């Protein structure tokens, strides 16, 4: 059984036991989180596609980690104009382990 959930402006295909890194969700490590924006649900034989969401389906998970991704460098440069700007960025994330999919 798997589902497609939407969170943080992105869509993720999840199954029970998966660990996924999503955009930061407020909460402590060990607390539970529920995704109710389920766009698709499949049990192996039947597929339910929501328009836009599937009613009565919730994906439950547990927060495993709160952290920051690797640093990326944002470098702006204009040749022959003495213009250089260097900036770093680390995007915060939340790692969630999917416990169950309730249909």
PDB file of N, CA and C in Angstrom:
ATOM      1  N   UNK A   1       0.853  -1.182   0.000  1.00  0.00           N
ATOM      2  CA  UNK A   1       0.000   0.000   0.000  1.00  0.00           C
ATOM      3  C   UNK A   1       0.891   1.235   0.000  1.00  0.00           C
ATOM      4  N   UNK A   2       0.569   2.191  -0.853  1.00  0.00           N
ATOM      5  CA  UNK A   2       1.294   3.449  -0.876  1.00  0.00           C
ATOM      6  C   UNK A   2       0.335   4.586  -1.137  1.00  0.00           C
ATOM      7  N   UNK A   3       0.815   5.798  -0.868  1.00  0.00           N
ATOM      8  CA  UNK A   3       0.003   6.989  -1.064  1.00  0.00           C
ATOM      9  C   UNK A   3       0.908   8.107  -1.564  1.00  0.00           C
ATOM     10  N   UNK A   4       0.292   9.113  -2.154  1.00  0.00           N
ATOM     11  CA  UNK A   4       0.996  10.323  -2.560  1.00  0.00           C
ATOM     12  C   UNK A   4       0.438  11.456  -1.717  1.00  0.00           C
ATOM     13  N   UNK A   5       1.315  12.082  -0.917  1.00  0.00           N
ATOM     14  CA  UNK A   5       0.895  13.171  -0.043  1.00  0.00           C
ATOM     15  C   UNK A   5       1.551  14.465  -0.496  1.00  0.00           C
ATOM     16  N   UNK A   6       0.892  15.583  -0.190  1.00  0.00           N
ATOM     17  CA  UNK A   6       1.423  16.904  -0.516  1.00  0.00           C
ATOM     18  C   UNK A   6       1.723  17.635   0.783  1.00  0.00           C
ATOM     19  N   UNK A   7       2.958  18.127   0.896  1.00  0.00           N
ATOM     20  CA  UNK A   7       3.350  18.929   2.045  1.00  0.00           C
ATOM     21  C   UNK A   7       4.514  19.821   1.641  1.00  0.00           C
ATOM     22  N   UNK A   8       4.504  21.039   2.111  1.00  0.00           N
ATOM     23  CA  UNK A   8       5.587  21.969   1.814  1.00  0.00           C
ATOM     24  C   UNK A   8       5.682  22.342   0.350  1.00  0.00           C
ATOM     25  N   UNK A   9       4.571  22.271  -0.384  1.00  0.00           N
ATOM     26  CA  UNK A   9       4.578  22.622  -1.798  1.00  0.00           C
ATOM     27  C   UNK A   9       5.121  21.534  -2.698  1.00  0.00           C
ATOM     28  N   UNK A  10       5.366  20.347  -2.159  1.00  0.00           N
ATOM     29  CA  UNK A  10       5.899  19.237  -2.946  1.00  0.00           C
ATOM     30  C   UNK A  10       5.031  18.002  -2.729  1.00  0.00           C
ATOM     31  N   UNK A  11       5.194  17.018  -3.601  1.00  0.00           N
ATOM     32  CA  UNK A  11       4.448  15.772  -3.500  1.00  0.00           C
ATOM     33  C   UNK A  11       5.420  14.623  -3.272  1.00  0.00           C
ATOM     34  N   UNK A  12       5.047  13.695  -2.386  1.00  0.00           N
ATOM     35  CA  UNK A  12       5.904  12.582  -2.026  1.00  0.00           C
ATOM     36  C   UNK A  12       5.121  11.278  -2.107  1.00  0.00           C
ATOM     37  N   UNK A  13       5.734  10.253  -2.678  1.00  0.00           N
ATOM     38  CA  UNK A  13       5.164   8.912  -2.670  1.00  0.00           C
ATOM     39  C   UNK A  13       5.661   8.221  -1.411  1.00  0.00           C
ATOM     40  N   UNK A  14       4.747   7.774  -0.551  1.00  0.00           N
ATOM     41  CA  UNK A  14       5.127   7.196   0.734  1.00  0.00           C
ATOM     42  C   UNK A  14       4.487   5.825   0.905  1.00  0.00           C
ATOM     43  N   UNK A  15       5.183   4.978   1.643  1.00  0.00           N
ATOM     44  CA  UNK A  15       4.661   3.676   2.064  1.00  0.00           C
ATOM     45  C   UNK A  15       5.012   3.526   3.541  1.00  0.00           C
ATOM     46  N   UNK A  16       4.409   2.542   4.192  1.00  0.00           N
ATOM     47  CA  UNK A  16       4.678   2.332   5.610  1.00  0.00           C
ATOM     48  C   UNK A  16       6.137   1.947   5.813  1.00  0.00           C
ATOM     49  N   UNK A  17       6.772   2.589   6.794  1.00  0.00           N
ATOM     50  CA  UNK A  17       8.169   2.318   7.088  1.00  0.00           C
ATOM     51  C   UNK A  17       9.148   3.238   6.383  1.00  0.00           C
ATOM     52  N   UNK A  18       8.694   4.035   5.438  1.00  0.00           N
ATOM     53  CA  UNK A  18       9.579   4.956   4.726  1.00  0.00           C
ATOM     54  C   UNK A  18      10.002   6.106   5.634  1.00  0.00           C
ATOM     55  N   UNK A  19      11.216   6.608   5.409  1.00  0.00           N
ATOM     56  CA  UNK A  19      11.693   7.816   6.065  1.00  0.00           C
ATOM     57  C   UNK A  19      11.925   8.847   4.976  1.00  0.00           C
ATOM     58  N   UNK A  20      11.237   9.984   5.065  1.00  0.00           N
ATOM     59  CA  UNK A  20      11.392  10.999   4.041  1.00  0.00           C
ATOM     60  C   UNK A  20      11.727  12.337   4.672  1.00  0.00           C
ATOM     61  N   UNK A  21      12.452  13.143   3.906  1.00  0.00           N
ATOM     62  CA  UNK A  21      12.845  14.480   4.344  1.00  0.00           C
ATOM     63  C   UNK A  21      11.950  15.491   3.652  1.00  0.00           C
ATOM     64  N   UNK A  22      11.159  16.205   4.458  1.00  0.00           N
ATOM     65  CA  UNK A  22      10.216  17.192   3.936  1.00  0.00           C
ATOM     66  C   UNK A  22      10.635  18.573   4.416  1.00  0.00           C
ATOM     67  N   UNK A  23       9.994  19.586   3.883  1.00  0.00           N
ATOM     68  CA  UNK A  23      10.226  20.944   4.361  1.00  0.00           C
ATOM     69  C   UNK A  23       9.896  21.009   5.847  1.00  0.00           C
ATOM     70  N   UNK A  24      10.521  21.924   6.558  1.00  0.00           N
ATOM     71  CA  UNK A  24      10.437  21.966   8.019  1.00  0.00           C
ATOM     72  C   UNK A  24       9.005  22.012   8.519  1.00  0.00           C
ATOM     73  N   UNK A  25       8.722  21.120   9.479  1.00  0.00           N
ATOM     74  CA  UNK A  25       7.441  21.066  10.180  1.00  0.00           C
ATOM     75  C   UNK A  25       7.752  21.335  11.644  1.00  0.00           C
ATOM     76  N   UNK A  26       6.995  22.216  12.275  1.00  0.00           N
ATOM     77  CA  UNK A  26       7.220  22.504  13.692  1.00  0.00           C
ATOM     78  C   UNK A  26       6.841  21.294  14.529  1.00  0.00           C
ATOM     79  N   UNK A  27       7.704  20.942  15.462  1.00  0.00           N
ATOM     80  CA  UNK A  27       7.447  19.820  16.348  1.00  0.00           C
ATOM     81  C   UNK A  27       8.753  19.260  16.883  1.00  0.00           C
ATOM     82  N   UNK A  28       8.653  18.561  17.991  1.00  0.00           N
ATOM     83  CA  UNK A  28       9.816  17.965  18.626  1.00  0.00           C
ATOM     84  C   UNK A  28      10.084  16.588  18.027  1.00  0.00           C
ATOM     85  N   UNK A  29      11.331  16.116  18.175  1.00  0.00           N
ATOM     86  CA  UNK A  29      11.682  14.769  17.742  1.00  0.00           C
ATOM     87  C   UNK A  29      10.908  13.776  18.592  1.00  0.00           C
ATOM     88  N   UNK A  30      10.236  12.832  17.943  1.00  0.00           N
ATOM     89  CA  UNK A  30       9.425  11.842  18.648  1.00  0.00           C
ATOM     90  C   UNK A  30       7.942  12.139  18.615  1.00  0.00           C
ATOM     91  N   UNK A  31       7.557  13.363  18.268  1.00  0.00           N
ATOM     92  CA  UNK A  31       6.134  13.687  18.212  1.00  0.00           C
ATOM     93  C   UNK A  31       5.533  13.182  16.900  1.00  0.00           C
ATOM     94  N   UNK A  32       4.229  13.035  16.897  1.00  0.00           N
ATOM     95  CA  UNK A  32       3.544  12.492  15.725  1.00  0.00           C
ATOM     96  C   UNK A  32       3.076  13.623  14.827  1.00  0.00           C
ATOM     97  N   UNK A  33       2.923  13.288  13.559  1.00  0.00           N
ATOM     98  CA  UNK A  33       2.452  14.244  12.565  1.00  0.00           C
ATOM     99  C   UNK A  33       1.498  13.506  11.628  1.00  0.00           C
ATOM    100  N   UNK A  34       0.472  14.199  11.156  1.00  0.00           N
ATOM    101  CA  UNK A  34      -0.514  13.595  10.261  1.00  0.00           C
ATOM    102  C   UNK A  34      -0.595  14.414   8.983  1.00  0.00           C
ATOM    103  N   UNK A  35      -0.540  13.721   7.856  1.00  0.00           N
ATOM    104  CA  UNK A  35      -0.701  14.361   6.553  1.00  0.00           C
ATOM    105  C   UNK A  35      -2.105  14.029   6.053  1.00  0.00           C
ATOM    106  N   UNK A  36      -2.951  15.052   5.912  1.00  0.00           N
ATOM    107  CA  UNK A  36      -4.316  14.793   5.457  1.00  0.00           C
ATOM    108  C   UNK A  36      -4.541  15.204   4.009  1.00  0.00           C
ATOM    109  N   UNK A  37      -3.530  15.810   3.375  1.00  0.00           N
ATOM    110  CA  UNK A  37      -3.622  16.121   1.945  1.00  0.00           C
ATOM    111  C   UNK A  37      -3.090  14.925   1.156  1.00  0.00           C
ATOM    112  N   UNK A  38      -3.926  13.913   0.992  1.00  0.00           N
ATOM    113  CA  UNK A  38      -3.552  12.702   0.268  1.00  0.00           C
ATOM    114  C   UNK A  38      -4.136  12.817  -1.131  1.00  0.00           C
ATOM    115  N   UNK A  39      -3.268  12.770  -2.141  1.00  0.00           N
ATOM    116  CA  UNK A  39      -3.695  12.957  -3.525  1.00  0.00           C
ATOM    117  C   UNK A  39      -4.007  11.648  -4.226  1.00  0.00           C
ATOM    118  N   UNK A  40      -3.404  10.547  -3.780  1.00  0.00           N
ATOM    119  CA  UNK A  40      -3.588   9.252  -4.423  1.00  0.00           C
ATOM    120  C   UNK A  40      -3.391   8.167  -3.376  1.00  0.00           C
ATOM    121  N   UNK A  41      -4.171   7.097  -3.491  1.00  0.00           N
ATOM    122  CA  UNK A  41      -4.046   5.956  -2.588  1.00  0.00           C
ATOM    123  C   UNK A  41      -4.131   4.680  -3.401  1.00  0.00           C
ATOM    124  N   UNK A  42      -3.174   3.779  -3.193  1.00  0.00           N
ATOM    125  CA  UNK A  42      -3.162   2.504  -3.902  1.00  0.00           C
ATOM    126  C   UNK A  42      -2.918   1.391  -2.904  1.00  0.00           C
ATOM    127  N   UNK A  43      -3.714   0.311  -3.006  1.00  0.00           N
ATOM    128  CA  UNK A  43      -3.507  -0.845  -2.133  1.00  0.00           C
ATOM    129  C   UNK A  43      -2.940  -2.034  -2.911  1.00  0.00           C
ATOM    130  N   UNK A  44      -2.432  -1.806  -4.093  1.00  0.00           N
ATOM    131  CA  UNK A  44      -1.848  -2.867  -4.909  1.00  0.00           C
ATOM    132  C   UNK A  44      -2.745  -3.259  -6.058  1.00  0.00           C
ATOM    133  N   UNK A  45      -4.061  -3.241  -5.834  1.00  0.00           N
ATOM    134  CA  UNK A  45      -5.011  -3.590  -6.885  1.00  0.00           C
ATOM    135  C   UNK A  45      -5.874  -2.401  -7.278  1.00  0.00           C
ATOM    136  N   UNK A  46      -6.389  -1.713  -6.275  1.00  0.00           N
ATOM    137  CA  UNK A  46      -7.269  -0.573  -6.524  1.00  0.00           C
ATOM    138  C   UNK A  46      -6.505   0.729  -6.323  1.00  0.00           C
ATOM    139  N   UNK A  47      -6.804   1.710  -7.161  1.00  0.00           N
ATOM    140  CA  UNK A  47      -6.174   3.023  -7.069  1.00  0.00           C
ATOM    141  C   UNK A  47      -7.280   4.063  -6.929  1.00  0.00           C
ATOM    142  N   UNK A  48      -7.182   4.878  -5.886  1.00  0.00           N
ATOM    143  CA  UNK A  48      -8.107   5.995  -5.697  1.00  0.00           C
ATOM    144  C   UNK A  48      -7.358   7.275  -5.992  1.00  0.00           C
ATOM    145  N   UNK A  49      -7.868   8.050  -6.922  1.00  0.00           N
ATOM    146  CA  UNK A  49      -7.260   9.327  -7.280  1.00  0.00           C
ATOM    147  C   UNK A  49      -8.187  10.429  -6.810  1.00  0.00           C
ATOM    148  N   UNK A  50      -7.658  11.358  -6.030  1.00  0.00           N
ATOM    149  CA  UNK A  50      -8.466  12.446  -5.503  1.00  0.00           C
ATOM    150  C   UNK A  50      -8.625  13.574  -6.496  1.00  0.00           C
ATOM    151  N   UNK A  51      -9.696  14.318  -6.302  1.00  0.00           N
ATOM    152  CA  UNK A  51      -9.939  15.473  -7.159  1.00  0.00           C
ATOM    153  C   UNK A  51     -10.276  16.668  -6.291  1.00  0.00           C
ATOM    154  N   UNK A  52      -9.370  17.372  -5.651  1.00  0.00           N
ATOM    155  CA  UNK A  52      -7.929  17.176  -5.687  1.00  0.00           C
ATOM    156  C   UNK A  52      -7.411  16.215  -4.621  1.00  0.00           C
ATOM    157  N   UNK A  53      -8.221  15.927  -3.559  1.00  0.00           N
ATOM    158  CA  UNK A  53      -7.738  15.070  -2.481  1.00  0.00           C
ATOM    159  C   UNK A  53      -8.672  13.879  -2.300  1.00  0.00           C
ATOM    160  N   UNK A  54      -8.126  12.779  -1.773  1.00  0.00           N
ATOM    161  CA  UNK A  54      -8.925  11.602  -1.454  1.00  0.00           C
ATOM    162  C   UNK A  54      -9.542  11.817  -0.076  1.00  0.00           C
ATOM    163  N   UNK A  55     -10.860  11.656   0.031  1.00  0.00           N
ATOM    164  CA  UNK A  55     -11.549  11.903   1.295  1.00  0.00           C
ATOM    165  C   UNK A  55     -11.363  10.730   2.253  1.00  0.00           C
ATOM    166  N   UNK A  56     -11.206  11.036   3.535  1.00  0.00           N
ATOM    167  CA  UNK A  56     -11.159  10.023   4.575  1.00  0.00           C
ATOM    168  C   UNK A  56      -9.852   9.264   4.678  1.00  0.00           C
ATOM    169  N   UNK A  57      -8.803   9.747   4.067  1.00  0.00           N
ATOM    170  CA  UNK A  57      -7.504   9.073   4.127  1.00  0.00           C
ATOM    171  C   UNK A  57      -6.511   9.985   4.840  1.00  0.00           C
ATOM    172  N   UNK A  58      -5.775   9.410   5.798  1.00  0.00           N
ATOM    173  CA  UNK A  58      -4.767  10.158   6.544  1.00  0.00           C
ATOM    174  C   UNK A  58      -3.504   9.320   6.647  1.00  0.00           C
ATOM    175  N   UNK A  59      -2.364   9.953   6.493  1.00  0.00           N
ATOM    176  CA  UNK A  59      -1.067   9.290   6.639  1.00  0.00           C
ATOM    177  C   UNK A  59      -0.453   9.781   7.944  1.00  0.00           C
ATOM    178  N   UNK A  60      -0.140   8.846   8.837  1.00  0.00           N
ATOM    179  CA  UNK A  60       0.421   9.184  10.141  1.00  0.00           C
ATOM    180  C   UNK A  60       1.905   8.849  10.160  1.00  0.00           C
ATOM    181  N   UNK A  61       2.689   9.729  10.784  1.00  0.00           N
ATOM    182  CA  UNK A  61       4.119   9.509  10.879  1.00  0.00           C
ATOM    183  C   UNK A  61       4.661  10.052  12.176  1.00  0.00           C
ATOM    184  N   UNK A  62       5.958   9.859  12.363  1.00  0.00           N
ATOM    185  CA  UNK A  62       6.639  10.309  13.561  1.00  0.00           C
ATOM    186  C   UNK A  62       7.889  11.064  13.155  1.00  0.00           C
ATOM    187  N   UNK A  63       8.139  12.201  13.810  1.00  0.00           N
ATOM    188  CA  UNK A  63       9.307  13.012  13.497  1.00  0.00           C
ATOM    189  C   UNK A  63      10.556  12.305  14.034  1.00  0.00           C
ATOM    190  N   UNK A  64      11.509  12.044  13.136  1.00  0.00           N
ATOM    191  CA  UNK A  64      12.732  11.349  13.493  1.00  0.00           C
ATOM    192  C   UNK A  64      13.875  12.337  13.719  1.00  0.00           C
ATOM    193  N   UNK A  65      13.912  13.416  12.927  1.00  0.00           N
ATOM    194  CA  UNK A  65      15.043  14.331  12.988  1.00  0.00           C
ATOM    195  C   UNK A  65      14.615  15.712  12.517  1.00  0.00           C
ATOM    196  N   UNK A  66      15.192  16.737  13.138  1.00  0.00           N
ATOM    197  CA  UNK A  66      15.075  18.118  12.685  1.00  0.00           C
ATOM    198  C   UNK A  66      16.494  18.570  12.370  1.00  0.00           C
ATOM    199  N   UNK A  67      16.736  19.052  11.177  1.00  0.00           N
ATOM    200  CA  UNK A  67      18.099  19.432  10.854  1.00  0.00           C
ATOM    201  C   UNK A  67      18.173  20.405   9.703  1.00  0.00           C
ATOM    202  N   UNK A  68      19.409  20.580   9.200  1.00  0.00           N
ATOM    203  CA  UNK A  68      19.657  21.449   8.057  1.00  0.00           C
ATOM    204  C   UNK A  68      20.382  20.657   6.988  1.00  0.00           C
ATOM    205  N   UNK A  69      20.084  20.940   5.735  1.00  0.00           N
ATOM    206  CA  UNK A  69      20.727  20.271   4.613  1.00  0.00           C
ATOM    207  C   UNK A  69      22.154  20.777   4.454  1.00  0.00           C
ATOM    208  N   UNK A  70      22.850  20.215   3.465  1.00  0.00           N
ATOM    209  CA  UNK A  70      24.194  20.685   3.163  1.00  0.00           C
ATOM    210  C   UNK A  70      24.141  22.127   2.677  1.00  0.00           C
ATOM    211  N   UNK A  71      25.236  22.845   2.890  1.00  0.00           N
ATOM    212  CA  UNK A  71      25.299  24.239   2.482  1.00  0.00           C
ATOM    213  C   UNK A  71      25.431  24.346   0.963  1.00  0.00           C
ATOM    214  N   UNK A  72      24.668  25.272   0.394  1.00  0.00           N
ATOM    215  CA  UNK A  72      24.846  25.614  -1.014  1.00  0.00           C
ATOM    216  C   UNK A  72      25.386  27.031  -1.072  1.00  0.00           C
ATOM    217  N   UNK A  73      26.145  27.315  -2.103  1.00  0.00           N
ATOM    218  CA  UNK A  73      26.740  28.633  -2.284  1.00  0.00           C
ATOM    219  C   UNK A  73      25.981  29.357  -3.389  1.00  0.00           C
ATOM    220  N   UNK A  74      25.505  30.554  -3.066  1.00  0.00           N
ATOM    221  CA  UNK A  74      24.853  31.418  -4.047  1.00  0.00           C
ATOM    222  C   UNK A  74      25.876  32.483  -4.410  1.00  0.00           C
ATOM    223  N   UNK A  75      26.358  32.455  -5.654  1.00  0.00           N
ATOM    224  CA  UNK A  75      27.406  33.375  -6.078  1.00  0.00           C
ATOM    225  C   UNK A  75      26.920  34.162  -7.285  1.00  0.00           C
ATOM    226  N   UNK A  76      26.829  35.477  -7.126  1.00  0.00           N
ATOM    227  CA  UNK A  76      26.427  36.366  -8.218  1.00  0.00           C
ATOM    228  C   UNK A  76      27.661  37.096  -8.716  1.00  0.00           C
ATOM    229  N   UNK A  77      27.769  37.216 -10.036  1.00  0.00           N
ATOM    230  CA  UNK A  77      28.995  37.778 -10.614  1.00  0.00           C
ATOM    231  C   UNK A  77      28.658  38.472 -11.922  1.00  0.00           C
ATOM    232  N   UNK A  78      29.163  39.681 -12.072  1.00  0.00           N
ATOM    233  CA  UNK A  78      29.065  40.397 -13.343  1.00  0.00           C
ATOM    234  C   UNK A  78      30.479  40.688 -13.812  1.00  0.00           C
ATOM    235  N   UNK A  79      30.826  40.198 -14.949  1.00  0.00           N
ATOM    236  CA  UNK A  79      32.190  40.387 -15.432  1.00  0.00           C
ATOM    237  C   UNK A  79      32.439  41.853 -15.796  1.00  0.00           C
ATOM    238  N   UNK A  80      33.668  42.261 -15.578  1.00  0.00           N
ATOM    239  CA  UNK A  80      34.158  43.603 -15.895  1.00  0.00           C
ATOM    240  C   UNK A  80      33.451  44.718 -15.111  1.00  0.00           C
ATOM    241  N   UNK A  81      32.660  44.413 -14.120  1.00  0.00           N
ATOM    242  CA  UNK A  81      31.939  45.447 -13.370  1.00  0.00           C
ATOM    243  C   UNK A  81      32.304  45.469 -11.887  1.00  0.00           C
ATOM    244  N   UNK A  82      33.239  44.638 -11.462  1.00  0.00           N
ATOM    245  CA  UNK A  82      33.634  44.523 -10.064  1.00  0.00           C
ATOM    246  C   UNK A  82      32.454  44.191  -9.162  1.00  0.00           C
ATOM    247  N   UNK A  83      31.570  43.341  -9.628  1.00  0.00           N
ATOM    248  CA  UNK A  83      30.392  42.955  -8.854  1.00  0.00           C
ATOM    249  C   UNK A  83      30.476  41.475  -8.511  1.00  0.00           C
ATOM    250  N   UNK A  84      30.609  41.202  -7.211  1.00  0.00           N
ATOM    251  CA  UNK A  84      30.632  39.822  -6.721  1.00  0.00           C
ATOM    252  C   UNK A  84      29.842  39.773  -5.416  1.00  0.00           C
ATOM    253  N   UNK A  85      28.945  38.806  -5.295  1.00  0.00           N
ATOM    254  CA  UNK A  85      28.206  38.590  -4.051  1.00  0.00           C
ATOM    255  C   UNK A  85      28.221  37.105  -3.758  1.00  0.00           C
ATOM    256  N   UNK A  86      28.700  36.746  -2.580  1.00  0.00           N
ATOM    257  CA  UNK A  86      28.754  35.352  -2.187  1.00  0.00           C
ATOM    258  C   UNK A  86      27.891  35.165  -0.946  1.00  0.00           C
ATOM    259  N   UNK A  87      27.021  34.190  -0.997  1.00  0.00           N
ATOM    260  CA  UNK A  87      26.100  33.949   0.105  1.00  0.00           C
ATOM    261  C   UNK A  87      25.892  32.442   0.235  1.00  0.00           C
ATOM    262  N   UNK A  88      25.828  31.940   1.447  1.00  0.00           N
ATOM    263  CA  UNK A  88      25.563  30.534   1.694  1.00  0.00           C
ATOM    264  C   UNK A  88      24.149  30.344   2.211  1.00  0.00           C
ATOM    265  N   UNK A  89      23.624  29.129   2.046  1.00  0.00           N
ATOM    266  CA  UNK A  89      22.271  28.837   2.513  1.00  0.00           C
ATOM    267  C   UNK A  89      22.184  27.374   2.915  1.00  0.00           C
ATOM    268  N   UNK A  90      21.541  27.116   4.058  1.00  0.00           N
ATOM    269  CA  UNK A  90      21.253  25.757   4.503  1.00  0.00           C
ATOM    270  C   UNK A  90      19.760  25.660   4.746  1.00  0.00           C
ATOM    271  N   UNK A  91      19.088  24.810   3.988  1.00  0.00           N
ATOM    272  CA  UNK A  91      17.636  24.680   4.077  1.00  0.00           C
ATOM    273  C   UNK A  91      17.265  23.756   5.243  1.00  0.00           C
ATOM    274  N   UNK A  92      16.388  24.209   6.140  1.00  0.00           N
ATOM    275  CA  UNK A  92      15.959  23.320   7.228  1.00  0.00           C
ATOM    276  C   UNK A  92      15.020  22.231   6.711  1.00  0.00           C
ATOM    277  N   UNK A  93      15.088  21.055   7.337  1.00  0.00           N
ATOM    278  CA  UNK A  93      14.236  19.939   6.942  1.00  0.00           C
ATOM    279  C   UNK A  93      13.746  19.201   8.178  1.00  0.00           C
ATOM    280  N   UNK A  94      12.748  18.360   7.961  1.00  0.00           N
ATOM    281  CA  UNK A  94      12.235  17.464   8.988  1.00  0.00           C
ATOM    282  C   UNK A  94      12.205  16.066   8.398  1.00  0.00           C
ATOM    283  N   UNK A  95      12.824  15.113   9.083  1.00  0.00           N
ATOM    284  CA  UNK A  95      12.784  13.710   8.653  1.00  0.00           C
ATOM    285  C   UNK A  95      11.616  13.041   9.363  1.00  0.00           C
ATOM    286  N   UNK A  96      10.726  12.411   8.575  1.00  0.00           N
ATOM    287  CA  UNK A  96       9.512  11.791   9.108  1.00  0.00           C
ATOM    288  C   UNK A  96       9.500  10.319   8.717  1.00  0.00           C
ATOM    289  N   UNK A  97       9.252   9.441   9.716  1.00  0.00           N
ATOM    290  CA  UNK A  97       9.062   8.020   9.431  1.00  0.00           C
ATOM    291  C   UNK A  97       7.568   7.752   9.348  1.00  0.00           C
ATOM    292  N   UNK A  98       7.119   7.133   8.260  1.00  0.00           N
ATOM    293  CA  UNK A  98       5.706   6.866   8.045  1.00  0.00           C
ATOM    294  C   UNK A  98       5.331   5.615   8.838  1.00  0.00           C
ATOM    295  N   UNK A  99       4.362   5.756   9.746  1.00  0.00           N
ATOM    296  CA  UNK A  99       3.926   4.637  10.582  1.00  0.00           C
ATOM    297  C   UNK A  99       2.780   3.867   9.955  1.00  0.00           C
ATOM    298  N   UNK A 100       1.733   4.587   9.546  1.00  0.00           N
ATOM    299  CA  UNK A 100       0.574   3.888   8.984  1.00  0.00           C
ATOM    300  C   UNK A 100      -0.202   4.793   8.034  1.00  0.00           C
ATOM    301  N   UNK A 101      -0.953   4.140   7.158  1.00  0.00           N
ATOM    302  CA  UNK A 101      -1.829   4.833   6.226  1.00  0.00           C
ATOM    303  C   UNK A 101      -3.244   4.392   6.547  1.00  0.00           C
ATOM    304  N   UNK A 102      -4.060   5.322   7.019  1.00  0.00           N
ATOM    305  CA  UNK A 102      -5.449   5.015   7.398  1.00  0.00           C
ATOM    306  C   UNK A 102      -6.371   5.383   6.251  1.00  0.00           C
ATOM    307  N   UNK A 103      -7.102   4.371   5.772  1.00  0.00           N
ATOM    308  CA  UNK A 103      -8.048   4.611   4.678  1.00  0.00           C
ATOM    309  C   UNK A 103      -9.478   4.513   5.203  1.00  0.00           C
TER     310      UNK A 103
END
